Amino acid sequence: MLALSWLYLAVLVAGAWVISSWSFAWGVLAGGIISIVSFLASSRDVEGFFENLETTREQPAQEIKQIKKGLIVKFWLRLLLIGLVLLVLIKYSSINVFGLILGLTTVVFTITVSAVGAAWGYYFRRR
């Protein structure tokens, strides 16, 4: 799915550059990179959480709560970092905000396409 995200981002940036302007394409690129990197970090954190959860099954509930708190703190810190990056990009750069928003939808679109593809394969290819 990560490769599909990068491919979709490349198509979006090329299309934005051809159709609109470099400022719009730069916004799409910046938003796409932010969303893909954030998704990659979140994915690694959640995978690590479940691996830790499996190994700490015999551990006390207090240790499991600490692992959960760590995951939540990482989530909020990542969200704060994304907000700060967006603030800096919007305030101190000539970035197109609509391009930035379009780029931020990269991962959402990729997940949607993957889910529709899986559902399509489940319902129509098995028959």
N, C-alpha and C. Protein backbone atom coordinates (compact mmCIF):
# COMPACT_ATOMS: atom_id res chain seq x y z
N MET A 1 0.82 -1.19 0.00
CA MET A 1 0.00 0.00 0.00
C MET A 1 0.87 1.26 0.00
N LEU A 2 2.06 1.15 0.56
CA LEU A 2 2.95 2.29 0.59
C LEU A 2 3.38 2.68 -0.82
N ALA A 3 3.67 1.69 -1.65
CA ALA A 3 4.06 1.97 -3.03
C ALA A 3 2.91 2.63 -3.79
N LEU A 4 1.70 2.18 -3.54
CA LEU A 4 0.53 2.78 -4.17
C LEU A 4 0.35 4.23 -3.74
N SER A 5 0.65 4.52 -2.49
CA SER A 5 0.57 5.90 -2.00
C SER A 5 1.56 6.80 -2.72
N TRP A 6 2.80 6.32 -2.86
CA TRP A 6 3.81 7.12 -3.56
C TRP A 6 3.45 7.30 -5.03
N LEU A 7 2.92 6.25 -5.65
CA LEU A 7 2.51 6.35 -7.05
C LEU A 7 1.37 7.36 -7.21
N TYR A 8 0.38 7.27 -6.36
CA TYR A 8 -0.73 8.21 -6.41
C TYR A 8 -0.24 9.64 -6.19
N LEU A 9 0.69 9.83 -5.26
CA LEU A 9 1.24 11.17 -5.01
C LEU A 9 1.97 11.69 -6.24
N ALA A 10 2.74 10.84 -6.90
CA ALA A 10 3.45 11.26 -8.10
C ALA A 10 2.48 11.69 -9.20
N VAL A 11 1.41 10.93 -9.36
CA VAL A 11 0.40 11.28 -10.36
C VAL A 11 -0.29 12.60 -10.00
N LEU A 12 -0.60 12.77 -8.72
CA LEU A 12 -1.23 14.02 -8.28
C LEU A 12 -0.33 15.22 -8.50
N VAL A 13 0.94 15.09 -8.15
CA VAL A 13 1.88 16.21 -8.32
C VAL A 13 2.05 16.55 -9.79
N ALA A 14 2.23 15.54 -10.63
CA ALA A 14 2.38 15.79 -12.07
C ALA A 14 1.12 16.44 -12.65
N GLY A 15 -0.02 15.93 -12.26
CA GLY A 15 -1.28 16.52 -12.74
C GLY A 15 -1.47 17.95 -12.25
N ALA A 16 -1.13 18.21 -11.01
CA ALA A 16 -1.26 19.56 -10.46
C ALA A 16 -0.31 20.53 -11.16
N TRP A 17 0.87 20.06 -11.48
CA TRP A 17 1.84 20.92 -12.15
C TRP A 17 1.39 21.25 -13.57
N VAL A 18 0.87 20.25 -14.28
CA VAL A 18 0.42 20.46 -15.66
C VAL A 18 -0.84 21.32 -15.69
N ILE A 19 -1.80 21.02 -14.83
CA ILE A 19 -3.08 21.70 -14.87
C ILE A 19 -3.03 23.08 -14.23
N SER A 20 -2.32 23.22 -13.13
CA SER A 20 -2.36 24.48 -12.40
C SER A 20 -1.01 25.19 -12.43
N SER A 21 -0.26 25.08 -11.34
CA SER A 21 1.01 25.80 -11.24
C SER A 21 1.96 25.02 -10.36
N TRP A 22 3.21 25.49 -10.31
CA TRP A 22 4.19 24.84 -9.47
C TRP A 22 3.86 25.04 -8.00
N SER A 23 3.29 26.17 -7.64
CA SER A 23 2.90 26.43 -6.25
C SER A 23 1.85 25.41 -5.78
N PHE A 24 0.88 25.14 -6.64
CA PHE A 24 -0.14 24.15 -6.31
C PHE A 24 0.47 22.76 -6.21
N ALA A 25 1.36 22.42 -7.16
CA ALA A 25 2.02 21.11 -7.16
C ALA A 25 2.92 20.97 -5.93
N TRP A 26 3.59 22.04 -5.52
CA TRP A 26 4.43 22.00 -4.33
C TRP A 26 3.57 21.73 -3.10
N GLY A 27 2.38 22.33 -3.03
CA GLY A 27 1.46 22.08 -1.93
C GLY A 27 1.01 20.62 -1.90
N VAL A 28 0.70 20.07 -3.07
CA VAL A 28 0.29 18.67 -3.15
C VAL A 28 1.44 17.76 -2.69
N LEU A 29 2.65 18.06 -3.14
CA LEU A 29 3.81 17.25 -2.76
C LEU A 29 4.07 17.32 -1.26
N ALA A 30 4.04 18.51 -0.70
CA ALA A 30 4.29 18.67 0.73
C ALA A 30 3.22 17.95 1.56
N GLY A 31 1.96 18.12 1.21
CA GLY A 31 0.88 17.45 1.92
C GLY A 31 0.96 15.94 1.80
N GLY A 32 1.30 15.46 0.62
CA GLY A 32 1.43 14.02 0.42
C GLY A 32 2.57 13.42 1.22
N ILE A 33 3.69 14.10 1.25
CA ILE A 33 4.83 13.60 2.03
C ILE A 33 4.48 13.57 3.51
N ILE A 34 3.84 14.62 3.98
CA ILE A 34 3.44 14.67 5.40
C ILE A 34 2.50 13.51 5.73
N SER A 35 1.51 13.27 4.89
CA SER A 35 0.53 12.22 5.19
C SER A 35 1.14 10.82 5.09
N ILE A 36 1.99 10.59 4.11
CA ILE A 36 2.58 9.27 3.95
C ILE A 36 3.56 8.97 5.08
N VAL A 37 4.38 9.95 5.44
CA VAL A 37 5.34 9.74 6.53
C VAL A 37 4.60 9.53 7.86
N SER A 38 3.53 10.29 8.07
CA SER A 38 2.74 10.14 9.29
C SER A 38 2.09 8.76 9.35
N PHE A 39 1.55 8.31 8.23
CA PHE A 39 0.94 6.99 8.18
C PHE A 39 1.96 5.89 8.42
N LEU A 40 3.15 6.04 7.83
CA LEU A 40 4.20 5.05 8.02
C LEU A 40 4.61 4.97 9.49
N ALA A 41 4.77 6.12 10.13
CA ALA A 41 5.14 6.14 11.55
C ALA A 41 4.03 5.54 12.41
N SER A 42 2.79 5.87 12.11
CA SER A 42 1.66 5.32 12.87
C SER A 42 1.58 3.81 12.69
N SER A 43 1.79 3.35 11.48
CA SER A 43 1.74 1.92 11.21
C SER A 43 2.81 1.17 12.01
N ARG A 44 4.00 1.72 12.03
CA ARG A 44 5.08 1.08 12.80
C ARG A 44 4.77 1.08 14.29
N ASP A 45 4.21 2.18 14.79
CA ASP A 45 3.87 2.24 16.21
C ASP A 45 2.80 1.23 16.58
N VAL A 46 1.77 1.10 15.75
CA VAL A 46 0.69 0.15 16.05
C VAL A 46 1.19 -1.28 15.95
N GLU A 47 2.01 -1.58 14.95
CA GLU A 47 2.58 -2.92 14.84
C GLU A 47 3.44 -3.24 16.06
N GLY A 48 4.25 -2.28 16.49
CA GLY A 48 5.06 -2.47 17.68
C GLY A 48 4.23 -2.65 18.93
N PHE A 49 3.12 -1.92 19.01
CA PHE A 49 2.21 -2.05 20.14
C PHE A 49 1.66 -3.47 20.23
N PHE A 50 1.22 -4.02 19.11
CA PHE A 50 0.66 -5.37 19.14
C PHE A 50 1.72 -6.42 19.40
N GLU A 51 2.94 -6.19 18.91
CA GLU A 51 4.02 -7.12 19.22
C GLU A 51 4.33 -7.10 20.72
N ASN A 52 4.38 -5.89 21.30
CA ASN A 52 4.60 -5.78 22.75
C ASN A 52 3.45 -6.38 23.54
N LEU A 53 2.25 -6.23 23.03
CA LEU A 53 1.08 -6.76 23.71
C LEU A 53 1.13 -8.29 23.75
N GLU A 54 1.60 -8.90 22.67
CA GLU A 54 1.71 -10.36 22.64
C GLU A 54 2.78 -10.86 23.61
N THR A 55 3.88 -10.13 23.69
CA THR A 55 4.97 -10.59 24.56
C THR A 55 4.70 -10.29 26.03
N THR A 56 3.80 -9.34 26.32
CA THR A 56 3.53 -8.98 27.72
C THR A 56 2.22 -9.54 28.22
N ARG A 57 1.73 -10.58 27.58
CA ARG A 57 0.47 -11.19 28.04
C ARG A 57 0.57 -11.66 29.48
N GLU A 58 1.74 -12.17 29.83
CA GLU A 58 1.91 -12.68 31.19
C GLU A 58 2.27 -11.56 32.17
N GLN A 59 2.53 -10.37 31.64
CA GLN A 59 2.93 -9.25 32.48
C GLN A 59 1.72 -8.66 33.19
N PRO A 60 1.96 -7.90 34.24
CA PRO A 60 0.84 -7.28 34.96
C PRO A 60 0.13 -6.22 34.11
N ALA A 61 -1.08 -5.93 34.50
CA ALA A 61 -1.90 -4.97 33.77
C ALA A 61 -1.28 -3.59 33.76
N GLN A 62 -0.51 -3.26 34.79
CA GLN A 62 0.12 -1.95 34.87
C GLN A 62 1.10 -1.73 33.72
N GLU A 63 1.84 -2.77 33.36
CA GLU A 63 2.80 -2.66 32.27
C GLU A 63 2.09 -2.49 30.93
N ILE A 64 0.97 -3.16 30.77
CA ILE A 64 0.19 -3.01 29.54
C ILE A 64 -0.37 -1.59 29.45
N LYS A 65 -0.80 -1.02 30.58
CA LYS A 65 -1.28 0.36 30.58
C LYS A 65 -0.18 1.32 30.19
N GLN A 66 1.04 1.07 30.62
CA GLN A 66 2.18 1.93 30.25
C GLN A 66 2.41 1.88 28.75
N ILE A 67 2.29 0.70 28.15
CA ILE A 67 2.48 0.57 26.71
C ILE A 67 1.39 1.35 25.97
N LYS A 68 0.16 1.25 26.46
CA LYS A 68 -0.94 2.00 25.84
C LYS A 68 -0.72 3.49 25.96
N LYS A 69 -0.29 3.95 27.12
CA LYS A 69 -0.03 5.38 27.31
C LYS A 69 1.06 5.86 26.36
N GLY A 70 2.09 5.05 26.17
CA GLY A 70 3.16 5.41 25.25
C GLY A 70 2.65 5.58 23.83
N LEU A 71 1.78 4.69 23.40
CA LEU A 71 1.21 4.79 22.06
C LEU A 71 0.37 6.05 21.91
N ILE A 72 -0.42 6.36 22.92
CA ILE A 72 -1.27 7.55 22.87
C ILE A 72 -0.42 8.83 22.87
N VAL A 73 0.62 8.85 23.68
CA VAL A 73 1.50 10.02 23.72
C VAL A 73 2.19 10.21 22.37
N LYS A 74 2.66 9.13 21.76
CA LYS A 74 3.28 9.23 20.44
C LYS A 74 2.29 9.78 19.42
N PHE A 75 1.04 9.33 19.49
CA PHE A 75 0.02 9.82 18.57
C PHE A 75 -0.17 11.32 18.70
N TRP A 76 -0.31 11.81 19.93
CA TRP A 76 -0.54 13.23 20.14
C TRP A 76 0.70 14.06 19.78
N LEU A 77 1.88 13.54 20.04
CA LEU A 77 3.09 14.26 19.65
C LEU A 77 3.21 14.33 18.13
N ARG A 78 2.87 13.25 17.44
CA ARG A 78 2.89 13.27 15.98
C ARG A 78 1.88 14.26 15.44
N LEU A 79 0.70 14.30 16.03
CA LEU A 79 -0.31 15.24 15.60
C LEU A 79 0.15 16.69 15.83
N LEU A 80 0.78 16.94 16.95
CA LEU A 80 1.32 18.27 17.24
C LEU A 80 2.40 18.65 16.24
N LEU A 81 3.28 17.71 15.93
CA LEU A 81 4.34 17.97 14.96
C LEU A 81 3.77 18.27 13.58
N ILE A 82 2.76 17.52 13.17
CA ILE A 82 2.12 17.77 11.87
C ILE A 82 1.50 19.16 11.86
N GLY A 83 0.83 19.52 12.95
CA GLY A 83 0.24 20.85 13.04
C GLY A 83 1.28 21.95 12.94
N LEU A 84 2.41 21.76 13.62
CA LEU A 84 3.48 22.77 13.55
C LEU A 84 4.08 22.88 12.15
N VAL A 85 4.28 21.74 11.50
CA VAL A 85 4.81 21.75 10.14
C VAL A 85 3.84 22.45 9.20
N LEU A 86 2.55 22.15 9.34
CA LEU A 86 1.55 22.81 8.50
C LEU A 86 1.50 24.31 8.77
N LEU A 87 1.60 24.69 10.03
CA LEU A 87 1.61 26.11 10.39
C LEU A 87 2.79 26.82 9.75
N VAL A 88 3.97 26.24 9.84
CA VAL A 88 5.16 26.85 9.25
C VAL A 88 5.02 26.94 7.73
N LEU A 89 4.53 25.87 7.11
CA LEU A 89 4.37 25.88 5.65
C LEU A 89 3.37 26.94 5.20
N ILE A 90 2.27 27.06 5.91
CA ILE A 90 1.24 28.02 5.50
C ILE A 90 1.66 29.45 5.80
N LYS A 91 2.27 29.66 6.95
CA LYS A 91 2.59 31.03 7.37
C LYS A 91 3.83 31.59 6.68
N TYR A 92 4.89 30.78 6.53
CA TYR A 92 6.16 31.30 6.05
C TYR A 92 6.53 30.87 4.64
N SER A 93 5.62 30.24 3.93
CA SER A 93 5.91 29.77 2.59
C SER A 93 4.80 30.24 1.65
N SER A 94 5.10 30.23 0.38
CA SER A 94 4.07 30.61 -0.60
C SER A 94 3.36 29.38 -1.12
N ILE A 95 3.06 28.47 -0.20
CA ILE A 95 2.43 27.20 -0.56
C ILE A 95 0.93 27.41 -0.78
N ASN A 96 0.39 26.69 -1.72
CA ASN A 96 -1.04 26.75 -1.99
C ASN A 96 -1.76 25.84 -0.99
N VAL A 97 -2.66 26.42 -0.23
CA VAL A 97 -3.34 25.68 0.83
C VAL A 97 -4.23 24.58 0.25
N PHE A 98 -4.88 24.85 -0.87
CA PHE A 98 -5.74 23.83 -1.47
C PHE A 98 -4.92 22.65 -1.99
N GLY A 99 -3.73 22.93 -2.51
CA GLY A 99 -2.83 21.86 -2.91
C GLY A 99 -2.36 21.05 -1.72
N LEU A 100 -2.10 21.74 -0.62
CA LEU A 100 -1.69 21.07 0.61
C LEU A 100 -2.79 20.13 1.11
N ILE A 101 -4.02 20.60 1.08
CA ILE A 101 -5.15 19.76 1.51
C ILE A 101 -5.31 18.55 0.58
N LEU A 102 -5.16 18.79 -0.72
CA LEU A 102 -5.25 17.68 -1.68
C LEU A 102 -4.15 16.65 -1.42
N GLY A 103 -2.96 17.11 -1.14
CA GLY A 103 -1.86 16.19 -0.84
C GLY A 103 -2.09 15.41 0.44
N LEU A 104 -2.71 16.04 1.43
CA LEU A 104 -2.98 15.36 2.69
C LEU A 104 -3.98 14.21 2.54
N THR A 105 -4.72 14.19 1.45
CA THR A 105 -5.70 13.12 1.22
C THR A 105 -5.08 11.89 0.56
N THR A 106 -3.78 11.91 0.33
CA THR A 106 -3.12 10.81 -0.37
C THR A 106 -3.36 9.46 0.29
N VAL A 107 -3.12 9.39 1.58
CA VAL A 107 -3.26 8.11 2.28
C VAL A 107 -4.73 7.70 2.37
N VAL A 108 -5.60 8.64 2.58
CA VAL A 108 -7.03 8.33 2.66
C VAL A 108 -7.51 7.72 1.34
N PHE A 109 -7.10 8.33 0.23
CA PHE A 109 -7.50 7.81 -1.08
C PHE A 109 -6.90 6.42 -1.31
N THR A 110 -5.65 6.22 -0.93
CA THR A 110 -5.01 4.92 -1.13
C THR A 110 -5.70 3.84 -0.31
N ILE A 111 -6.05 4.14 0.92
CA ILE A 111 -6.75 3.15 1.76
C ILE A 111 -8.11 2.84 1.16
N THR A 112 -8.81 3.86 0.67
CA THR A 112 -10.12 3.65 0.06
C THR A 112 -10.01 2.77 -1.18
N VAL A 113 -9.05 3.06 -2.04
CA VAL A 113 -8.86 2.25 -3.25
C VAL A 113 -8.51 0.81 -2.89
N SER A 114 -7.66 0.63 -1.90
CA SER A 114 -7.29 -0.72 -1.48
C SER A 114 -8.48 -1.48 -0.92
N ALA A 115 -9.30 -0.81 -0.13
CA ALA A 115 -10.48 -1.45 0.45
C ALA A 115 -11.50 -1.81 -0.63
N VAL A 116 -11.72 -0.90 -1.57
CA VAL A 116 -12.66 -1.19 -2.65
C VAL A 116 -12.13 -2.34 -3.51
N GLY A 117 -10.82 -2.35 -3.76
CA GLY A 117 -10.23 -3.44 -4.53
C GLY A 117 -10.37 -4.78 -3.83
N ALA A 118 -10.18 -4.79 -2.53
CA ALA A 118 -10.34 -6.04 -1.77
C ALA A 118 -11.79 -6.50 -1.77
N ALA A 119 -12.71 -5.55 -1.58
CA ALA A 119 -14.13 -5.91 -1.60
C ALA A 119 -14.55 -6.40 -2.99
N TRP A 120 -14.07 -5.74 -4.02
CA TRP A 120 -14.39 -6.14 -5.39
C TRP A 120 -13.89 -7.56 -5.65
N GLY A 121 -12.68 -7.83 -5.23
CA GLY A 121 -12.13 -9.17 -5.41
C GLY A 121 -12.89 -10.22 -4.62
N TYR A 122 -13.34 -9.86 -3.45
CA TYR A 122 -14.07 -10.81 -2.61
C TYR A 122 -15.43 -11.13 -3.22
N TYR A 123 -16.14 -10.11 -3.69
CA TYR A 123 -17.51 -10.33 -4.15
C TYR A 123 -17.61 -10.78 -5.60
N PHE A 124 -16.71 -10.33 -6.47
CA PHE A 124 -16.90 -10.60 -7.87
C PHE A 124 -15.94 -11.61 -8.47
N ARG A 125 -14.79 -11.79 -7.92
CA ARG A 125 -13.83 -12.72 -8.50
C ARG A 125 -14.01 -14.14 -8.01
N ARG A 126 -14.66 -14.32 -6.91
CA ARG A 126 -14.87 -15.66 -6.38
C ARG A 126 -16.02 -16.38 -7.08
N ARG A 127 -16.86 -15.67 -7.73
CA ARG A 127 -18.04 -16.28 -8.35
C ARG A 127 -17.79 -16.72 -9.73
